Amino acid sequence: MTICLEDENLRDFIQEIQDNACLREIFAASKYWKQGGEEAVNLLNNYNFKTIPEEVASVIEKLLTDVCPESCEACGCPIEWNQMSATLLNGDNLCDYHHQRKEKMEKE
């Protein structure tokens, strides 16, 4: 999983973690959340992404690696940051395409 804190999609995803209680709950289950992850996520809004302290960046990377699936369980394609919220909230570790296929099959 590539974690580049200057990636706009990743910044948007981190903002979603702050704004969405369900996502925060998912992240709160990680051991890294209590080891500075929550504070690091909250601090990111106060920094220009080019000046993030190494300690904050390290905690964020550990937290994201622990919680976020690297790839879709159905096809193995990488899950992009702009799809990560949906993937985590759906709870199935599937990319958008395979999640929609799964829902369609369940309805039939």
Protein backbone atom coordinates (compact mmCIF):
# COMPACT_ATOMS: atom_id res chain seq x y z
CA MET A 1 0.00 0.00 0.00
CA THR A 2 1.42 3.35 -1.03
CA ILE A 3 0.99 5.99 1.63
CA CYS A 4 1.94 9.46 0.43
CA LEU A 5 0.61 12.06 2.83
CA GLU A 6 0.69 14.65 0.05
CA ASP A 7 -1.85 12.64 -2.00
CA GLU A 8 -5.06 14.69 -2.24
CA ASN A 9 -7.27 11.57 -2.20
CA LEU A 10 -5.56 10.38 0.98
CA ARG A 11 -6.00 13.81 2.59
CA ASP A 12 -9.69 13.68 1.71
CA PHE A 13 -9.96 10.19 3.19
CA ILE A 14 -8.30 11.31 6.43
CA GLN A 15 -10.78 14.20 6.57
CA GLU A 16 -13.59 11.65 6.18
CA ILE A 17 -12.21 9.74 9.17
CA GLN A 18 -12.55 12.92 11.21
CA ASP A 19 -16.05 13.71 9.92
CA ASN A 20 -17.66 10.25 9.91
CA ALA A 21 -18.46 8.63 13.27
CA CYS A 22 -18.74 5.15 11.70
CA LEU A 23 -15.26 5.43 10.16
CA ARG A 24 -13.84 6.71 13.46
CA GLU A 25 -15.34 3.67 15.16
CA ILE A 26 -13.63 1.35 12.64
CA PHE A 27 -10.30 3.08 13.23
CA ALA A 28 -10.80 3.14 17.02
CA ALA A 29 -10.57 -0.67 16.96
CA SER A 30 -6.92 -0.42 15.85
CA LYS A 31 -4.23 -0.60 18.51
CA TYR A 32 -2.60 2.40 16.81
CA TRP A 33 -5.66 4.58 17.42
CA LYS A 34 -4.98 4.60 21.15
CA GLN A 35 -1.21 4.85 20.59
CA GLY A 36 -1.46 8.30 19.05
CA GLY A 37 -3.49 7.57 15.92
CA GLU A 38 -6.52 9.60 16.95
CA GLU A 39 -4.36 12.55 17.91
CA ALA A 40 -2.35 12.26 14.67
CA VAL A 41 -5.50 12.24 12.52
CA ASN A 42 -6.76 15.33 14.34
CA LEU A 43 -3.40 17.09 14.05
CA LEU A 44 -3.17 16.67 10.29
CA ASN A 45 -5.60 19.53 9.76
CA ASN A 46 -3.14 21.85 11.48
CA TYR A 47 -0.21 21.04 9.19
CA ASN A 48 0.79 21.70 5.64
CA PHE A 49 1.33 18.15 4.38
CA LYS A 50 4.90 19.01 3.45
CA THR A 51 5.74 19.90 7.06
CA ILE A 52 4.18 17.00 8.95
CA PRO A 53 6.43 15.88 11.80
CA GLU A 54 7.94 12.44 11.22
CA GLU A 55 6.32 11.05 14.40
CA VAL A 56 2.83 12.04 13.18
CA ALA A 57 3.47 10.65 9.69
CA SER A 58 4.73 7.37 11.17
CA VAL A 59 1.65 6.90 13.36
CA ILE A 60 -0.68 7.69 10.43
CA GLU A 61 1.13 5.18 8.21
CA LYS A 62 0.89 2.45 10.87
CA LEU A 63 -2.79 3.21 11.46
CA LEU A 64 -3.70 3.17 7.77
CA THR A 65 -1.71 -0.02 7.14
CA ASP A 66 -3.42 -1.71 10.08
CA VAL A 67 -7.00 -0.76 9.16
CA CYS A 68 -7.17 -0.33 5.39
CA PRO A 69 -7.18 -3.31 3.04
CA GLU A 70 -4.49 -3.08 0.41
CA SER A 71 -6.47 -4.78 -2.32
CA CYS A 72 -9.89 -6.12 -3.25
CA GLU A 73 -10.48 -9.63 -1.94
CA ALA A 74 -12.27 -10.61 -5.16
CA CYS A 75 -9.90 -9.41 -7.86
CA GLY A 76 -6.73 -8.28 -6.09
CA CYS A 77 -6.82 -4.78 -7.57
CA PRO A 78 -5.54 -2.01 -5.29
CA ILE A 79 -8.25 -0.10 -3.46
CA GLU A 80 -7.74 3.58 -4.10
CA TRP A 81 -8.02 6.13 -1.30
CA ASN A 82 -11.11 7.68 -2.89
CA GLN A 83 -12.88 4.28 -2.54
CA MET A 84 -11.51 3.37 0.90
CA SER A 85 -14.35 4.89 2.96
CA ALA A 86 -16.95 2.90 1.06
CA THR A 87 -14.86 -0.27 1.29
CA LEU A 88 -14.47 0.06 5.06
CA LEU A 89 -18.09 1.04 5.66
CA ASN A 90 -19.31 -1.85 3.49
CA GLY A 91 -17.16 -4.17 5.58
CA ASP A 92 -16.46 -6.56 2.73
CA ASN A 93 -12.97 -5.51 1.56
CA LEU A 94 -14.19 -5.32 -2.03
CA CYS A 95 -13.55 -2.67 -4.67
CA ASP A 96 -16.56 -0.68 -5.75
CA TYR A 97 -17.13 -2.84 -8.84
CA HIS A 98 -17.17 -6.13 -6.93
CA HIS A 99 -19.22 -4.70 -4.08
CA GLN A 100 -21.92 -3.64 -6.55
CA ARG A 101 -21.81 -7.08 -8.21
CA LYS A 102 -22.19 -8.72 -4.81
CA GLU A 103 -25.21 -6.54 -3.98
CA LYS A 104 -26.79 -7.27 -7.36
CA MET A 105 -26.36 -11.02 -6.87
CA GLU A 106 -27.85 -10.81 -3.37
CA LYS A 107 -30.95 -9.08 -4.76
CA GLU A 108 -31.53 -11.76 -7.41
